[in-house]
Amino acid sequence: MALTNRAGTVGRYGTAAGTGAAAALILVAVGGSPAYVGWAGQHTDSSSAGGWFLRLLAWPAWSNDPDMPGGLFAANLRAVLLVALAAVLLYLLPAAQAARVPGSASQFFTGWAAYALAGGLASLLAVFAGPDPSLLTAVQSGGTGATYGFLAGWIVGTASLGGRA
């Protein structure tokens, strides 16, 4: 049996890119929700590692509040771009398909890398839709987004393990 032939039961599972994109959507929808952002700000200790990480998960905050600092459109655009770019990058990054031995490690690292890149790019691009765009602000924001993507991307990478390459 060739490596490309799979059992009939695998067809009902999603692709690694699809499960990773779903995880990215859930991370942004739940972690960026106004309820979670408020909870993380009030009930976590920023001086502990766990509290800091829970606050980090609230980074792609989206809102309906027009008085949101940094601009409502830019913040919501950042959250939408994060999910869209993560999905596109998960489909475009060929590591899982081109690896010498396709499998779990390449799927995991592809999902992780895609989310880190998506976080940086989404943040960098969204600054230009904000109230005070500048190149310095865009680069700083891109660094913050890449940090978020790197530290939360393992979740997307782990979700990518659930699908086929």
C-alpha atoms as a PDB file:
ATOM      1  CA  MET A   1       0.000   0.000   0.000  1.00  0.00           C
ATOM      2  CA  ALA A   2       1.398   3.393  -0.947  1.00  0.00           C
ATOM      3  CA  LEU A   3       1.901   6.107   1.610  1.00  0.00           C
ATOM      4  CA  THR A   4      -0.730   8.242  -0.103  1.00  0.00           C
ATOM      5  CA  ASN A   5      -3.490   5.634   0.207  1.00  0.00           C
ATOM      6  CA  ARG A   6      -5.385   6.118   3.405  1.00  0.00           C
ATOM      7  CA  ALA A   7      -8.093   4.176   5.094  1.00  0.00           C
ATOM      8  CA  GLY A   8     -11.631   5.174   4.232  1.00  0.00           C
ATOM      9  CA  THR A   9     -12.323   6.465   7.738  1.00  0.00           C
ATOM     10  CA  VAL A  10      -9.745   9.268   7.442  1.00  0.00           C
ATOM     11  CA  GLY A  11     -11.861  11.089   4.836  1.00  0.00           C
ATOM     12  CA  ARG A  12     -14.294  12.358   7.422  1.00  0.00           C
ATOM     13  CA  TYR A  13     -11.592  14.247   9.345  1.00  0.00           C
ATOM     14  CA  GLY A  14     -10.505  17.730   8.306  1.00  0.00           C
ATOM     15  CA  THR A  15      -7.177  18.799   6.963  1.00  0.00           C
ATOM     16  CA  ALA A  16      -4.389  20.040   9.195  1.00  0.00           C
ATOM     17  CA  ALA A  17      -4.883  23.521   7.745  1.00  0.00           C
ATOM     18  CA  GLY A  18      -8.627  23.382   8.390  1.00  0.00           C
ATOM     19  CA  THR A  19      -8.332  22.290  11.999  1.00  0.00           C
ATOM     20  CA  GLY A  20      -5.600  24.883  12.588  1.00  0.00           C
ATOM     21  CA  ALA A  21      -7.779  27.624  11.071  1.00  0.00           C
ATOM     22  CA  ALA A  22     -10.676  26.562  13.285  1.00  0.00           C
ATOM     23  CA  ALA A  23      -8.409  26.764  16.339  1.00  0.00           C
ATOM     24  CA  ALA A  24      -7.272  30.254  15.290  1.00  0.00           C
ATOM     25  CA  LEU A  25     -10.895  31.347  14.934  1.00  0.00           C
ATOM     26  CA  ILE A  26     -11.750  29.979  18.385  1.00  0.00           C
ATOM     27  CA  LEU A  27      -8.670  31.625  19.950  1.00  0.00           C
ATOM     28  CA  VAL A  28      -9.627  35.023  18.541  1.00  0.00           C
ATOM     29  CA  ALA A  29     -13.366  34.647  19.151  1.00  0.00           C
ATOM     30  CA  VAL A  30     -12.999  33.554  22.769  1.00  0.00           C
ATOM     31  CA  GLY A  31      -9.682  35.123  23.811  1.00  0.00           C
ATOM     32  CA  GLY A  32     -10.415  38.445  22.147  1.00  0.00           C
ATOM     33  CA  SER A  33     -14.017  38.716  23.324  1.00  0.00           C
ATOM     34  CA  PRO A  34     -14.872  41.671  25.544  1.00  0.00           C
ATOM     35  CA  ALA A  35     -15.972  39.288  28.327  1.00  0.00           C
ATOM     36  CA  TYR A  36     -12.644  37.428  28.375  1.00  0.00           C
ATOM     37  CA  VAL A  37     -10.583  40.613  28.030  1.00  0.00           C
ATOM     38  CA  GLY A  38     -12.381  42.136  31.028  1.00  0.00           C
ATOM     39  CA  TRP A  39     -12.055  38.953  33.070  1.00  0.00           C
ATOM     40  CA  ALA A  40      -8.340  38.565  32.307  1.00  0.00           C
ATOM     41  CA  GLY A  41      -7.668  42.193  33.204  1.00  0.00           C
ATOM     42  CA  GLN A  42      -9.439  41.989  36.552  1.00  0.00           C
ATOM     43  CA  HIS A  43      -8.862  38.433  37.756  1.00  0.00           C
ATOM     44  CA  THR A  44      -5.315  37.581  36.751  1.00  0.00           C
ATOM     45  CA  ASP A  45      -2.020  38.612  38.276  1.00  0.00           C
ATOM     46  CA  SER A  46       0.297  40.109  35.675  1.00  0.00           C
ATOM     47  CA  SER A  47       3.323  39.335  37.845  1.00  0.00           C
ATOM     48  CA  SER A  48       2.769  35.561  37.617  1.00  0.00           C
ATOM     49  CA  ALA A  49       3.522  33.496  34.524  1.00  0.00           C
ATOM     50  CA  GLY A  50       0.020  32.036  34.342  1.00  0.00           C
ATOM     51  CA  GLY A  51      -1.669  35.395  34.721  1.00  0.00           C
ATOM     52  CA  TRP A  52       0.623  36.969  32.154  1.00  0.00           C
ATOM     53  CA  PHE A  53      -0.170  34.202  29.661  1.00  0.00           C
ATOM     54  CA  LEU A  54      -3.917  34.511  30.236  1.00  0.00           C
ATOM     55  CA  ARG A  55      -3.632  38.252  29.573  1.00  0.00           C
ATOM     56  CA  LEU A  56      -1.579  37.531  26.456  1.00  0.00           C
ATOM     57  CA  LEU A  57      -4.411  35.388  25.083  1.00  0.00           C
ATOM     58  CA  ALA A  58      -6.597  38.514  25.220  1.00  0.00           C
ATOM     59  CA  TRP A  59      -4.305  40.396  22.793  1.00  0.00           C
ATOM     60  CA  PRO A  60      -6.484  40.079  19.659  1.00  0.00           C
ATOM     61  CA  ALA A  61      -9.219  42.014  21.466  1.00  0.00           C
ATOM     62  CA  TRP A  62     -12.220  42.947  19.386  1.00  0.00           C
ATOM     63  CA  SER A  63     -15.035  45.161  20.567  1.00  0.00           C
ATOM     64  CA  ASN A  64     -18.180  47.091  19.745  1.00  0.00           C
ATOM     65  CA  ASP A  65     -17.151  50.031  21.946  1.00  0.00           C
ATOM     66  CA  PRO A  66     -16.556  53.105  19.749  1.00  0.00           C
ATOM     67  CA  ASP A  67     -14.277  54.627  22.442  1.00  0.00           C
ATOM     68  CA  MET A  68     -11.811  51.737  22.229  1.00  0.00           C
ATOM     69  CA  PRO A  69      -8.214  52.967  22.491  1.00  0.00           C
ATOM     70  CA  GLY A  70      -6.323  52.613  19.218  1.00  0.00           C
ATOM     71  CA  GLY A  71      -9.461  52.775  17.131  1.00  0.00           C
ATOM     72  CA  LEU A  72     -12.404  50.422  16.898  1.00  0.00           C
ATOM     73  CA  PHE A  73     -11.916  49.649  13.213  1.00  0.00           C
ATOM     74  CA  ALA A  74      -8.196  48.931  13.584  1.00  0.00           C
ATOM     75  CA  ALA A  75      -8.698  46.583  16.547  1.00  0.00           C
ATOM     76  CA  ASN A  76     -11.470  44.654  14.846  1.00  0.00           C
ATOM     77  CA  LEU A  77      -9.504  44.571  11.581  1.00  0.00           C
ATOM     78  CA  ARG A  78      -6.530  43.130  13.482  1.00  0.00           C
ATOM     79  CA  ALA A  79      -8.688  40.286  14.839  1.00  0.00           C
ATOM     80  CA  VAL A  80     -10.203  39.537  11.422  1.00  0.00           C
ATOM     81  CA  LEU A  81      -6.829  39.711   9.688  1.00  0.00           C
ATOM     82  CA  LEU A  82      -5.317  37.388  12.283  1.00  0.00           C
ATOM     83  CA  VAL A  83      -7.849  34.663  11.523  1.00  0.00           C
ATOM     84  CA  ALA A  84      -7.766  35.216   7.750  1.00  0.00           C
ATOM     85  CA  LEU A  85      -3.970  35.320   7.509  1.00  0.00           C
ATOM     86  CA  ALA A  86      -3.618  32.290   9.763  1.00  0.00           C
ATOM     87  CA  ALA A  87      -5.958  30.307   7.505  1.00  0.00           C
ATOM     88  CA  VAL A  88      -4.172  31.430   4.335  1.00  0.00           C
ATOM     89  CA  LEU A  89      -0.721  30.729   5.749  1.00  0.00           C
ATOM     90  CA  LEU A  90      -1.779  27.324   7.033  1.00  0.00           C
ATOM     91  CA  TYR A  91      -2.838  26.406   3.504  1.00  0.00           C
ATOM     92  CA  LEU A  92       0.223  27.966   1.852  1.00  0.00           C
ATOM     93  CA  LEU A  93       3.021  26.748   4.108  1.00  0.00           C
ATOM     94  CA  PRO A  94       4.081  23.493   2.479  1.00  0.00           C
ATOM     95  CA  ALA A  95       6.135  22.005   5.317  1.00  0.00           C
ATOM     96  CA  ALA A  96       3.695  19.208   6.104  1.00  0.00           C
ATOM     97  CA  GLN A  97       3.385  18.206   2.452  1.00  0.00           C
ATOM     98  CA  ALA A  98       7.058  18.621   1.472  1.00  0.00           C
ATOM     99  CA  ALA A  99       8.673  17.064   4.542  1.00  0.00           C
ATOM    100  CA  ARG A 100      10.821  13.999   3.919  1.00  0.00           C
ATOM    101  CA  VAL A 101       8.754  12.153   6.472  1.00  0.00           C
ATOM    102  CA  PRO A 102       5.333  13.792   6.617  1.00  0.00           C
ATOM    103  CA  GLY A 103       3.818  13.584  10.019  1.00  0.00           C
ATOM    104  CA  SER A 104       3.073  15.128  13.331  1.00  0.00           C
ATOM    105  CA  ALA A 105       6.173  17.258  13.871  1.00  0.00           C
ATOM    106  CA  SER A 106       5.896  19.087  10.559  1.00  0.00           C
ATOM    107  CA  GLN A 107       2.159  19.695  11.037  1.00  0.00           C
ATOM    108  CA  PHE A 108       2.739  21.042  14.528  1.00  0.00           C
ATOM    109  CA  PHE A 109       5.527  23.426  13.530  1.00  0.00           C
ATOM    110  CA  THR A 110       3.698  24.555  10.387  1.00  0.00           C
ATOM    111  CA  GLY A 111       0.642  25.514  12.446  1.00  0.00           C
ATOM    112  CA  TRP A 112       2.769  27.254  15.034  1.00  0.00           C
ATOM    113  CA  ALA A 113       4.769  29.201  12.441  1.00  0.00           C
ATOM    114  CA  ALA A 114       1.665  30.185  10.499  1.00  0.00           C
ATOM    115  CA  TYR A 115       0.056  31.665  13.616  1.00  0.00           C
ATOM    116  CA  ALA A 116       3.216  33.562  14.582  1.00  0.00           C
ATOM    117  CA  LEU A 117       3.491  35.052  11.081  1.00  0.00           C
ATOM    118  CA  ALA A 118      -0.214  35.841  10.995  1.00  0.00           C
ATOM    119  CA  GLY A 119      -0.040  37.625  14.355  1.00  0.00           C
ATOM    120  CA  GLY A 120       2.836  39.838  13.243  1.00  0.00           C
ATOM    121  CA  LEU A 121       1.396  40.626   9.810  1.00  0.00           C
ATOM    122  CA  ALA A 122      -2.137  41.280  11.078  1.00  0.00           C
ATOM    123  CA  SER A 123      -0.883  43.658  13.724  1.00  0.00           C
ATOM    124  CA  LEU A 124       1.468  45.437  11.335  1.00  0.00           C
ATOM    125  CA  LEU A 125      -1.230  45.959   8.699  1.00  0.00           C
ATOM    126  CA  ALA A 126      -4.007  46.957  11.114  1.00  0.00           C
ATOM    127  CA  VAL A 127      -1.999  49.912  12.437  1.00  0.00           C
ATOM    128  CA  PHE A 128      -2.417  51.691   9.120  1.00  0.00           C
ATOM    129  CA  ALA A 129      -6.217  51.611   9.590  1.00  0.00           C
ATOM    130  CA  GLY A 130      -5.932  53.216  13.040  1.00  0.00           C
ATOM    131  CA  PRO A 131      -6.230  56.840  14.089  1.00  0.00           C
ATOM    132  CA  ASP A 132      -2.480  57.619  14.149  1.00  0.00           C
ATOM    133  CA  PRO A 133      -0.607  55.378  11.703  1.00  0.00           C
ATOM    134  CA  SER A 134       3.161  55.554  11.512  1.00  0.00           C
ATOM    135  CA  LEU A 135       5.905  53.197  10.432  1.00  0.00           C
ATOM    136  CA  LEU A 136       7.353  53.074  13.949  1.00  0.00           C
ATOM    137  CA  THR A 137       3.988  52.161  15.452  1.00  0.00           C
ATOM    138  CA  ALA A 138       3.449  49.520  12.768  1.00  0.00           C
ATOM    139  CA  VAL A 139       6.818  47.875  13.414  1.00  0.00           C
ATOM    140  CA  GLN A 140       6.314  47.923  17.187  1.00  0.00           C
ATOM    141  CA  SER A 141       2.826  46.527  16.818  1.00  0.00           C
ATOM    142  CA  GLY A 142       4.079  43.842  14.442  1.00  0.00           C
ATOM    143  CA  GLY A 143       6.580  42.759  17.087  1.00  0.00           C
ATOM    144  CA  THR A 144       3.831  42.537  19.669  1.00  0.00           C
ATOM    145  CA  GLY A 145       1.668  40.506  17.296  1.00  0.00           C
ATOM    146  CA  ALA A 146       4.525  38.147  16.462  1.00  0.00           C
ATOM    147  CA  THR A 147       5.184  37.663  20.181  1.00  0.00           C
ATOM    148  CA  TYR A 148       1.523  36.798  20.708  1.00  0.00           C
ATOM    149  CA  GLY A 149       1.575  34.418  17.734  1.00  0.00           C
ATOM    150  CA  PHE A 150       4.756  32.728  18.908  1.00  0.00           C
ATOM    151  CA  LEU A 151       3.536  32.194  22.459  1.00  0.00           C
ATOM    152  CA  ALA A 152      -0.049  31.207  21.560  1.00  0.00           C
ATOM    153  CA  GLY A 153       0.748  29.476  18.267  1.00  0.00           C
ATOM    154  CA  TRP A 154       1.440  26.138  19.919  1.00  0.00           C
ATOM    155  CA  ILE A 155      -2.325  25.872  20.397  1.00  0.00           C
ATOM    156  CA  VAL A 156      -2.891  26.175  16.637  1.00  0.00           C
ATOM    157  CA  GLY A 157       0.020  23.810  16.032  1.00  0.00           C
ATOM    158  CA  THR A 158      -1.506  21.245  18.353  1.00  0.00           C
ATOM    159  CA  ALA A 159      -4.881  21.610  16.641  1.00  0.00           C
ATOM    160  CA  SER A 160      -3.182  21.012  13.293  1.00  0.00           C
ATOM    161  CA  LEU A 161      -2.201  17.572  14.538  1.00  0.00           C
ATOM    162  CA  GLY A 162      -5.845  16.545  14.406  1.00  0.00           C
ATOM    163  CA  GLY A 163      -6.108  16.718  10.618  1.00  0.00           C
ATOM    164  CA  ARG A 164      -4.549  14.996   7.690  1.00  0.00           C
ATOM    165  CA  ALA A 165      -1.708  16.661   5.805  1.00  0.00           C
END
